[in-house]
Amino acid sequence: MAQTSSLAQVSVESGPNGSDLLTDSGVNAQREEDEYQQALLELCPKHLWYNGSYTAGCPRPILVDQKHLEAIEDLHDALKNAIWIDDQARAGKMLDFANCLGSWRPDFLVEDGEEADEIFRITEINARFSFNGFVHEAYGQEVINRSVNAVGSDWVGATDHKTILNGLFGLFDPSRPLYLLKGTEPGIDIHMFADALWSRYGIGPRIIRPEDLRMLATDDSKIGRRLYCDAKELIPDVQAPRIKAENGEVWEEIRQVGLELHQKELASLDPEMLHQVALRCFNDMRTILLVHDKRMLGIIREEVPRLMERRVLTPKQGAVLNKGIVETIIPGSQAMHDLIRDSATAPHLRHGYILKPIRSGKGDGIVFGDDIGNEEWVSRLRDLASPRLVAGVSCVVQRRIVPREYDLLLKASVGAVKYPLVGTYHVTDGKLLGLGMDNSLGTTTEWR
């Protein structure tokens, strides 16, 4: 970490002291990329990198200083405090959410402030899957940190790869068999996670499908049922006891499970089956269904004044959230009705907004206001006049951020370009683990 007035990309080997701010001169970009990719493959076999994702990494990291790290820390602390106040938990009917926040990966854009400073604006929280790029980040950061150490630079990693993996592994009990319930999602990290789990603990997660789930009513369970899976496709394991069901199937009992299911796959489960899965899921279902929901950011912004009145947030934290969360308008709100009214008479307004499906991810379904005509824009907004959810229709409206662009060298074959940075950071059970990968048009780089 070094003092820098703004974010900047660096080359670990280009300067006279082994590291310097990035310039075209003196950088053998192709060699850096080849060595970086080879180092990644030494950490994880090639076939486990989804769609050859190791080739998307960039060995030239982003330089940050203490003010950038403090901005993220302050924003996360305020967000964590604001995100859940629950009467059911207070009444003792469910676990206090503060103690089981699960896995989050907020995304943020960098916008120019009024004084030409950099403002981090959270645009969404990715939380439906447990892994969220954790393993990609850990391996990429490990290689970058190793390179920095090798050249004797004064820089240090803004993120520690061990902290990332420890946070991920801390979500579950490695002494018990671990089941991963997986559906149609190909999975960016899940197979890499399985490999990392084997390397650390000598155990492999047991990957199952929703159709493999079974339940059995029992008197010797506090919750009245035991959750099982059909074990016909699983290699026997002494740590995973089996029973023979009345229909002749062999079942294994599930005591902890991670999910990689889309919301519609969760909704298709029998309600009691979903209840049993939720009781054993190491990523709390409130995280999967509510924190990931794009309305959450809008609700937080609306609730900031009341949270300050109740002293859940300090005035400083309230200001941090108002500044650090993009303006998000939720269906049925007064702000949505105001936008519908104003858009009908001011067609240019739509250019400053986007539509984002409330339960999407990976940028799926986002519509920029200037990509459609005003008649369609107003029609889409009118569909959001009610808070009632409609599949394939319900969206939030977010202010369109015009991100700051940076001089970047992402690929040797492309050369230097100006791109925005889409930042991330990783969280488990409320603990900020560190900055994650920056994404610039499908290419990822690490933070230094």
Protein backbone atom coordinates (compact mmCIF):
# COMPACT_ATOMS: atom_id res chain seq x y z
CA MET A 1 0.00 0.00 0.00
CA ALA A 2 1.31 3.45 -0.87
CA GLN A 3 0.25 7.09 -0.86
CA THR A 4 -1.59 7.97 -4.05
CA SER A 5 -4.01 10.80 -4.72
CA SER A 6 -6.30 8.59 -6.78
CA LEU A 7 -6.61 4.98 -7.83
CA ALA A 8 -3.98 4.00 -10.37
CA GLN A 9 -2.84 0.83 -12.07
CA VAL A 10 0.75 -0.25 -11.46
CA SER A 11 3.22 -2.69 -12.92
CA VAL A 12 5.05 -4.67 -10.27
CA GLU A 13 8.24 -4.93 -12.33
CA SER A 14 8.36 -1.80 -14.50
CA GLY A 15 10.06 0.75 -12.25
CA PRO A 16 13.69 1.24 -11.23
CA ASN A 17 12.94 -0.20 -7.79
CA GLY A 18 10.99 -3.11 -9.16
CA SER A 19 7.60 -1.38 -9.11
CA ASP A 20 6.12 1.81 -10.50
CA LEU A 21 2.98 3.51 -11.70
CA LEU A 22 1.96 2.05 -15.00
CA THR A 23 3.28 3.48 -18.24
CA ASP A 24 3.54 1.88 -21.66
CA SER A 25 7.31 2.13 -21.59
CA GLY A 26 9.28 -0.57 -19.88
CA VAL A 27 6.35 -2.96 -19.45
CA ASN A 28 6.55 -6.37 -21.06
CA ALA A 29 2.84 -6.93 -20.71
CA GLN A 30 2.65 -10.25 -22.52
CA ARG A 31 5.40 -11.76 -20.39
CA GLU A 32 3.68 -10.52 -17.22
CA GLU A 33 0.41 -12.08 -18.33
CA ASP A 34 1.99 -15.40 -19.28
CA GLU A 35 3.79 -15.67 -15.92
CA TYR A 36 0.66 -14.65 -14.03
CA GLN A 37 -1.48 -17.27 -15.74
CA GLN A 38 1.10 -19.98 -15.16
CA ALA A 39 1.24 -19.10 -11.46
CA LEU A 40 -2.55 -19.32 -11.22
CA LEU A 41 -2.54 -22.78 -12.78
CA GLU A 42 -0.02 -23.91 -10.17
CA LEU A 43 -2.59 -23.03 -7.51
CA CYS A 44 -5.59 -24.64 -9.19
CA PRO A 45 -5.83 -27.07 -12.16
CA LYS A 46 -6.78 -25.59 -15.51
CA HIS A 47 -10.02 -27.56 -15.91
CA LEU A 48 -11.47 -26.04 -12.72
CA TRP A 49 -11.25 -22.44 -13.96
CA TYR A 50 -14.71 -21.76 -15.38
CA ASN A 51 -14.48 -21.03 -19.12
CA GLY A 52 -10.72 -20.54 -18.80
CA SER A 53 -11.24 -17.66 -16.36
CA TYR A 54 -7.57 -17.68 -15.36
CA THR A 55 -6.88 -15.97 -18.70
CA ALA A 56 -9.12 -13.03 -17.74
CA GLY A 57 -6.88 -12.00 -14.88
CA CYS A 58 -4.51 -9.05 -15.11
CA PRO A 59 -1.12 -9.08 -13.32
CA ARG A 60 -1.02 -5.29 -13.03
CA PRO A 61 -2.91 -4.36 -9.84
CA ILE A 62 -4.69 -1.22 -8.72
CA LEU A 63 -2.78 0.93 -6.23
CA VAL A 64 -4.81 2.22 -3.27
CA ASP A 65 -3.89 4.19 -0.18
CA GLN A 66 -5.20 4.39 3.37
CA LYS A 67 -7.99 6.82 2.51
CA HIS A 68 -9.44 4.35 0.00
CA LEU A 69 -9.35 1.51 2.52
CA GLU A 70 -10.89 3.67 5.23
CA ALA A 71 -13.68 4.71 2.86
CA ILE A 72 -14.58 1.06 2.25
CA GLU A 73 -14.31 0.19 5.96
CA ASP A 74 -16.57 3.09 6.97
CA LEU A 75 -19.10 2.24 4.27
CA HIS A 76 -19.20 -1.43 5.22
CA ASP A 77 -19.53 -0.76 8.95
CA ALA A 78 -22.50 1.51 8.34
CA LEU A 79 -24.08 -0.93 5.88
CA LYS A 80 -23.69 -3.85 8.28
CA ASN A 81 -25.34 -1.91 11.11
CA ALA A 82 -28.23 -0.77 8.93
CA ILE A 83 -29.13 -3.94 7.13
CA TRP A 84 -31.07 -5.86 9.73
CA ILE A 85 -33.31 -5.00 12.68
CA ASP A 86 -35.67 -7.91 13.24
CA ASP A 87 -38.47 -8.27 15.78
CA GLN A 88 -38.63 -12.05 15.29
CA ALA A 89 -34.98 -12.37 16.28
CA ARG A 90 -35.50 -10.08 19.26
CA ALA A 91 -38.39 -12.28 20.36
CA GLY A 92 -36.12 -15.32 20.26
CA LYS A 93 -38.00 -17.01 17.41
CA MET A 94 -34.98 -17.10 15.11
CA LEU A 95 -31.26 -16.50 15.24
CA ASP A 96 -30.08 -12.92 15.55
CA PHE A 97 -29.07 -12.05 12.00
CA ALA A 98 -26.05 -10.12 13.23
CA ASN A 99 -24.51 -13.45 14.26
CA CYS A 100 -25.02 -15.23 10.94
CA LEU A 101 -24.74 -12.66 8.18
CA GLY A 102 -23.22 -15.16 5.75
CA SER A 103 -21.39 -14.35 2.54
CA TRP A 104 -21.68 -10.96 0.82
CA ARG A 105 -19.88 -9.38 -2.09
CA PRO A 106 -20.97 -5.78 -2.60
CA ASP A 107 -20.15 -4.17 -5.95
CA PHE A 108 -19.31 -0.49 -6.26
CA LEU A 109 -18.58 2.03 -8.98
CA VAL A 110 -16.18 4.95 -8.62
CA GLU A 111 -17.74 8.32 -9.38
CA ASP A 112 -16.27 11.82 -9.48
CA GLY A 113 -17.27 13.91 -6.49
CA GLU A 114 -17.97 17.63 -6.49
CA GLU A 115 -14.35 18.31 -5.53
CA ALA A 116 -12.94 15.90 -8.13
CA ASP A 117 -12.49 13.29 -5.41
CA GLU A 118 -13.35 9.61 -5.83
CA ILE A 119 -16.64 8.43 -4.37
CA PHE A 120 -17.36 4.72 -3.98
CA ARG A 121 -21.06 4.01 -4.68
CA ILE A 122 -22.43 0.56 -3.85
CA THR A 123 -24.76 -0.52 -6.66
CA GLU A 124 -25.72 -4.00 -5.44
CA ILE A 125 -24.88 -6.74 -2.96
CA ASN A 126 -24.23 -10.19 -4.39
CA ALA A 127 -25.33 -12.71 -1.78
CA ARG A 128 -27.40 -15.48 -3.37
CA PHE A 129 -24.39 -17.81 -3.74
CA SER A 130 -21.91 -18.59 -0.98
CA PHE A 131 -18.72 -18.32 -3.01
CA ASN A 132 -19.10 -15.04 -4.93
CA GLY A 133 -15.66 -15.06 -6.54
CA PHE A 134 -13.88 -15.68 -3.22
CA VAL A 135 -11.54 -18.35 -4.58
CA HIS A 136 -10.74 -16.40 -7.74
CA GLU A 137 -9.88 -13.41 -5.58
CA ALA A 138 -7.75 -15.44 -3.17
CA TYR A 139 -5.66 -17.06 -5.89
CA GLY A 140 -5.22 -13.88 -7.91
CA GLN A 141 -4.22 -11.94 -4.82
CA GLU A 142 -1.79 -14.64 -3.72
CA VAL A 143 0.08 -14.43 -7.02
CA ILE A 144 0.16 -10.62 -6.97
CA ASN A 145 1.35 -10.51 -3.35
CA ARG A 146 4.05 -13.04 -4.12
CA SER A 147 5.26 -10.92 -7.05
CA VAL A 148 5.39 -7.78 -4.91
CA ASN A 149 7.37 -9.55 -2.21
CA ALA A 150 9.79 -10.99 -4.75
CA VAL A 151 10.85 -7.59 -6.11
CA GLY A 152 11.31 -6.02 -2.68
CA SER A 153 8.72 -3.31 -3.20
CA ASP A 154 7.53 -1.00 -0.41
CA TRP A 155 3.99 -1.93 -1.40
CA VAL A 156 1.90 -4.46 0.48
CA GLY A 157 -1.28 -6.23 -0.47
CA ALA A 158 -4.52 -4.41 0.28
CA THR A 159 -6.03 -7.87 0.69
CA ASP A 160 -4.54 -11.01 2.21
CA HIS A 161 -5.44 -14.19 0.33
CA LYS A 162 -5.37 -16.26 3.53
CA THR A 163 -7.93 -13.96 5.14
CA ILE A 164 -10.26 -14.43 2.16
CA LEU A 165 -10.08 -18.24 2.30
CA ASN A 166 -10.25 -18.36 6.10
CA GLY A 167 -13.41 -16.28 5.97
CA LEU A 168 -14.98 -18.63 3.44
CA PHE A 169 -13.97 -21.78 5.30
CA GLY A 170 -15.22 -20.25 8.55
CA LEU A 171 -18.81 -20.36 7.32
CA PHE A 172 -19.15 -24.11 7.96
CA ASP A 173 -17.87 -26.91 10.19
CA PRO A 174 -15.11 -28.84 8.36
CA SER A 175 -15.43 -31.75 10.80
CA ARG A 176 -18.85 -32.62 9.35
CA PRO A 177 -19.76 -33.75 5.82
CA LEU A 178 -20.56 -30.73 3.67
CA TYR A 179 -23.26 -30.83 1.01
CA LEU A 180 -23.58 -28.30 -1.80
CA LEU A 181 -27.04 -28.04 -3.31
CA LYS A 182 -26.58 -26.99 -6.92
CA GLY A 183 -28.98 -26.34 -9.79
CA THR A 184 -28.65 -24.76 -13.22
CA GLU A 185 -25.97 -22.21 -12.25
CA PRO A 186 -22.69 -23.32 -13.90
CA GLY A 187 -20.73 -22.03 -10.92
CA ILE A 188 -17.75 -19.70 -11.16
CA ASP A 189 -16.06 -20.80 -7.94
CA ILE A 190 -17.82 -23.89 -6.67
CA HIS A 191 -15.49 -26.46 -8.24
CA MET A 192 -12.43 -24.42 -7.30
CA PHE A 193 -13.82 -24.28 -3.76
CA ALA A 194 -14.15 -28.07 -3.70
CA ASP A 195 -10.51 -28.39 -4.77
CA ALA A 196 -9.37 -25.89 -2.12
CA LEU A 197 -11.38 -27.72 0.53
CA TRP A 198 -9.65 -30.97 -0.36
CA SER A 199 -6.23 -29.32 -0.30
CA ARG A 200 -6.80 -27.84 3.17
CA TYR A 201 -8.84 -30.48 4.99
CA GLY A 202 -8.60 -33.62 2.88
CA ILE A 203 -12.36 -33.66 2.42
CA GLY A 204 -14.57 -33.07 -0.58
CA PRO A 205 -18.04 -31.52 -0.55
CA ARG A 206 -20.85 -33.73 -1.75
CA ILE A 207 -22.56 -31.95 -4.65
CA ILE A 208 -26.26 -32.77 -4.95
CA ARG A 209 -29.30 -31.58 -6.93
CA PRO A 210 -32.71 -30.44 -5.66
CA GLU A 211 -34.26 -33.65 -6.95
CA ASP A 212 -31.92 -35.63 -4.67
CA LEU A 213 -33.44 -34.15 -1.49
CA ARG A 214 -35.46 -36.34 0.86
CA MET A 215 -37.21 -35.77 4.22
CA LEU A 216 -38.15 -38.11 7.01
CA ALA A 217 -40.44 -37.35 9.93
CA THR A 218 -38.86 -38.40 13.22
CA ASP A 219 -39.55 -38.15 16.93
CA ASP A 220 -35.89 -37.89 17.90
CA SER A 221 -35.26 -34.55 16.22
CA LYS A 222 -35.94 -31.16 17.82
CA ILE A 223 -37.42 -29.92 14.57
CA GLY A 224 -39.48 -33.03 13.82
CA ARG A 225 -37.80 -33.96 10.55
CA ARG A 226 -34.43 -35.04 9.26
CA LEU A 227 -33.09 -33.92 5.90
CA TYR A 228 -31.50 -36.49 3.61
CA CYS A 229 -30.31 -36.88 0.06
CA ASP A 230 -30.47 -39.86 -2.28
CA ALA A 231 -26.90 -41.18 -2.14
CA LYS A 232 -26.92 -43.30 -5.29
CA GLU A 233 -24.41 -41.02 -7.05
CA LEU A 234 -22.18 -40.43 -4.01
CA ILE A 235 -19.07 -42.34 -3.03
CA PRO A 236 -19.58 -43.87 0.45
CA ASP A 237 -17.93 -41.93 3.28
CA VAL A 238 -17.65 -43.14 6.86
CA GLN A 239 -18.34 -39.57 8.02
CA ALA A 240 -21.67 -39.56 6.14
CA PRO A 241 -23.89 -42.22 7.76
CA ARG A 242 -26.52 -43.85 5.57
CA ILE A 243 -29.92 -45.39 6.03
CA LYS A 244 -32.02 -47.54 3.72
CA ALA A 245 -35.40 -46.00 3.00
CA GLU A 246 -38.64 -47.95 2.69
CA ASN A 247 -38.57 -47.49 -1.09
CA GLY A 248 -35.15 -49.15 -1.28
CA GLU A 249 -33.14 -45.95 -1.79
CA VAL A 250 -30.01 -45.31 0.23
CA TRP A 251 -30.05 -41.91 1.96
CA GLU A 252 -27.42 -39.76 3.66
CA GLU A 253 -28.40 -37.28 6.35
CA ILE A 254 -27.61 -33.62 5.62
CA ARG A 255 -26.58 -31.55 8.61
CA GLN A 256 -24.97 -28.61 6.81
CA VAL A 257 -25.50 -27.44 3.26
CA GLY A 258 -24.43 -24.60 1.00
CA LEU A 259 -26.66 -23.41 -1.82
CA GLU A 260 -25.99 -22.45 -5.40
CA LEU A 261 -29.59 -22.11 -6.50
CA HIS A 262 -31.40 -19.29 -8.25
CA GLN A 263 -34.42 -17.82 -6.50
CA LYS A 264 -36.87 -19.55 -8.84
CA GLU A 265 -35.22 -22.88 -7.97
CA LEU A 266 -35.66 -22.14 -4.28
CA ALA A 267 -39.29 -21.21 -4.89
CA SER A 268 -39.90 -24.51 -6.69
CA LEU A 269 -38.96 -26.54 -3.60
CA ASP A 270 -41.72 -27.92 -1.41
CA PRO A 271 -42.20 -25.35 1.40
CA GLU A 272 -41.37 -27.82 4.15
CA MET A 273 -38.33 -29.02 2.21
CA LEU A 274 -37.18 -25.41 1.84
CA HIS A 275 -37.71 -24.92 5.57
CA GLN A 276 -35.49 -27.90 6.36
CA VAL A 277 -32.82 -26.69 3.92
CA ALA A 278 -32.92 -23.20 5.45
CA LEU A 279 -32.32 -24.60 8.93
CA ARG A 280 -29.11 -26.27 7.75
CA CYS A 281 -27.82 -23.72 5.23
CA PHE A 282 -24.53 -22.09 6.26
CA ASN A 283 -25.43 -18.99 4.24
CA ASP A 284 -28.47 -17.67 6.09
CA MET A 285 -31.61 -17.66 3.95
CA ARG A 286 -32.22 -14.03 4.92
CA THR A 287 -28.94 -13.20 3.21
CA ILE A 288 -29.84 -15.18 0.09
CA LEU A 289 -33.36 -13.81 -0.29
CA LEU A 290 -33.19 -10.33 1.24
CA VAL A 291 -29.65 -8.98 1.25
CA HIS A 292 -29.26 -10.01 -2.42
CA ASP A 293 -32.58 -8.37 -3.32
CA LYS A 294 -31.94 -5.12 -5.18
CA ARG A 295 -34.65 -3.37 -3.15
CA MET A 296 -32.52 -3.65 -0.03
CA LEU A 297 -30.32 -0.68 -0.98
CA GLY A 298 -33.37 1.48 -1.59
CA ILE A 299 -34.92 0.47 1.72
CA ILE A 300 -31.71 1.30 3.58
CA ARG A 301 -31.56 4.78 2.06
CA GLU A 302 -35.20 5.37 2.99
CA GLU A 303 -34.62 4.14 6.54
CA VAL A 304 -31.45 6.13 7.27
CA PRO A 305 -33.27 8.99 9.09
CA ARG A 306 -35.22 6.57 11.31
CA LEU A 307 -32.14 4.45 12.00
CA MET A 308 -30.32 7.58 13.15
CA GLU A 309 -33.29 8.55 15.35
CA ARG A 310 -33.15 5.10 16.97
CA ARG A 311 -29.37 5.40 17.31
CA VAL A 312 -28.79 2.30 15.24
CA LEU A 313 -26.64 4.56 13.06
CA THR A 314 -24.55 7.54 14.06
CA PRO A 315 -25.00 10.76 12.08
CA LYS A 316 -21.65 10.07 10.43
CA GLN A 317 -22.77 6.59 9.38
CA GLY A 318 -26.01 7.97 8.01
CA ALA A 319 -24.06 10.43 5.88
CA VAL A 320 -21.73 7.64 4.72
CA LEU A 321 -24.68 5.54 3.54
CA ASN A 322 -26.42 8.42 1.79
CA LYS A 323 -23.19 9.13 -0.05
CA GLY A 324 -22.03 5.56 -0.58
CA ILE A 325 -25.22 3.84 -1.79
CA VAL A 326 -26.50 4.71 -5.23
CA GLU A 327 -29.97 6.26 -5.25
CA THR A 328 -32.33 3.30 -5.60
CA ILE A 329 -36.09 3.70 -6.10
CA ILE A 330 -38.23 0.73 -5.09
CA PRO A 331 -41.60 -0.32 -6.57
CA GLY A 332 -44.64 1.24 -4.93
CA SER A 333 -42.68 4.00 -3.19
CA GLN A 334 -43.57 7.68 -3.29
CA ALA A 335 -40.29 8.28 -5.11
CA MET A 336 -41.43 5.85 -7.83
CA HIS A 337 -44.75 7.68 -8.25
CA ASP A 338 -42.88 10.98 -8.45
CA LEU A 339 -40.58 9.59 -11.15
CA ILE A 340 -43.55 8.28 -13.15
CA ARG A 341 -45.18 11.72 -13.04
CA ASP A 342 -42.02 13.61 -13.93
CA SER A 343 -40.98 11.21 -16.71
CA ALA A 344 -44.28 11.67 -18.50
CA THR A 345 -43.54 15.37 -19.05
CA ALA A 346 -39.73 15.33 -19.15
CA PRO A 347 -38.56 12.60 -21.56
CA HIS A 348 -34.88 13.38 -20.97
CA LEU A 349 -35.11 12.21 -17.34
CA ARG A 350 -34.84 8.56 -18.36
CA HIS A 351 -31.26 9.15 -19.57
CA GLY A 352 -30.17 9.46 -15.95
CA TYR A 353 -31.60 6.13 -14.76
CA ILE A 354 -31.42 2.38 -15.26
CA LEU A 355 -33.86 -0.46 -14.59
CA LYS A 356 -32.45 -3.41 -12.65
CA PRO A 357 -34.41 -6.66 -11.96
CA ILE A 358 -34.77 -7.04 -8.21
CA ARG A 359 -33.41 -10.58 -7.94
CA SER A 360 -30.96 -10.71 -10.80
CA GLY A 361 -27.19 -10.94 -10.78
CA LYS A 362 -24.19 -10.58 -13.10
CA GLY A 363 -25.79 -7.57 -14.79
CA ASP A 364 -28.61 -9.67 -16.26
CA GLY A 365 -31.65 -7.75 -17.42
CA ILE A 366 -30.35 -4.21 -16.80
CA VAL A 367 -31.95 -1.63 -19.10
CA PHE A 368 -30.48 1.86 -19.56
CA GLY A 369 -33.09 4.56 -19.86
CA ASP A 370 -31.55 6.02 -23.00
CA ASP A 371 -31.73 2.61 -24.73
CA ILE A 372 -35.54 2.72 -24.95
CA GLY A 373 -38.08 5.33 -25.98
CA ASN A 374 -39.89 7.45 -23.42
CA GLU A 375 -43.24 5.79 -24.06
CA GLU A 376 -41.79 2.39 -23.19
CA TRP A 377 -39.89 3.89 -20.25
CA VAL A 378 -43.03 5.36 -18.72
CA SER A 379 -44.90 2.11 -19.36
CA ARG A 380 -42.20 0.14 -17.55
CA LEU A 381 -42.32 2.58 -14.65
CA ARG A 382 -46.11 2.29 -14.38
CA ASP A 383 -45.66 -1.45 -13.94
CA LEU A 384 -43.67 -0.55 -10.83
CA ALA A 385 -46.33 1.66 -9.26
CA SER A 386 -47.35 -1.23 -7.01
CA PRO A 387 -45.00 -2.97 -4.56
CA ARG A 388 -46.47 -6.32 -5.63
CA LEU A 389 -43.86 -8.59 -7.19
CA VAL A 390 -44.37 -9.71 -10.77
CA ALA A 391 -41.95 -12.27 -12.18
CA GLY A 392 -39.94 -10.86 -15.07
CA VAL A 393 -41.31 -7.36 -14.49
CA SER A 394 -40.37 -6.10 -11.03
CA CYS A 395 -37.30 -3.88 -11.01
CA VAL A 396 -35.73 -1.13 -9.02
CA VAL A 397 -34.77 2.12 -10.67
CA GLN A 398 -31.25 3.32 -9.95
CA ARG A 399 -29.60 6.59 -10.78
CA ARG A 400 -27.22 6.02 -13.63
CA ILE A 401 -23.66 6.55 -12.48
CA VAL A 402 -21.16 7.98 -14.94
CA PRO A 403 -18.03 6.27 -13.61
CA ARG A 404 -14.59 7.80 -13.54
CA GLU A 405 -12.31 6.33 -16.19
CA TYR A 406 -8.72 5.28 -15.57
CA ASP A 407 -5.69 4.64 -17.73
CA LEU A 408 -5.41 0.86 -17.76
CA LEU A 409 -3.37 -1.80 -19.51
CA LEU A 410 -5.53 -4.89 -19.17
CA LYS A 411 -4.35 -7.00 -22.09
CA ALA A 412 -1.10 -6.87 -24.01
CA SER A 413 -2.99 -7.54 -27.22
CA VAL A 414 -5.16 -4.43 -26.72
CA GLY A 415 -2.75 -1.92 -25.23
CA ALA A 416 -3.49 1.06 -22.99
CA VAL A 417 -7.13 2.15 -22.78
CA LYS A 418 -9.43 4.23 -20.59
CA TYR A 419 -11.91 2.08 -18.66
CA PRO A 420 -14.03 2.49 -15.52
CA LEU A 421 -13.34 0.34 -12.47
CA VAL A 422 -16.08 -1.84 -11.00
CA GLY A 423 -14.87 -2.68 -7.53
CA THR A 424 -15.93 -5.35 -5.06
CA TYR A 425 -15.21 -6.31 -1.50
CA HIS A 426 -15.73 -9.59 0.37
CA VAL A 427 -17.55 -10.16 3.65
CA THR A 428 -18.34 -13.22 5.78
CA ASP A 429 -20.57 -12.99 8.85
CA GLY A 430 -20.19 -9.23 8.85
CA LYS A 431 -16.38 -9.17 8.79
CA LEU A 432 -14.76 -7.19 5.99
CA LEU A 433 -12.15 -9.55 4.53
CA GLY A 434 -10.70 -7.19 1.95
CA LEU A 435 -11.13 -5.67 -1.46
CA GLY A 436 -11.99 -8.09 -4.24
CA MET A 437 -11.41 -8.18 -7.95
CA ASP A 438 -11.91 -5.11 -10.08
CA ASN A 439 -13.86 -5.87 -13.22
CA SER A 440 -13.24 -3.85 -16.35
CA LEU A 441 -15.15 -5.17 -19.35
CA GLY A 442 -14.63 -8.80 -18.47
CA THR A 443 -11.01 -8.46 -17.36
CA THR A 444 -10.11 -8.67 -13.69
CA THR A 445 -7.27 -7.14 -11.75
CA GLU A 446 -6.36 -7.08 -8.06
CA TRP A 447 -5.93 -4.28 -5.53
CA ARG A 448 -2.61 -3.33 -4.02
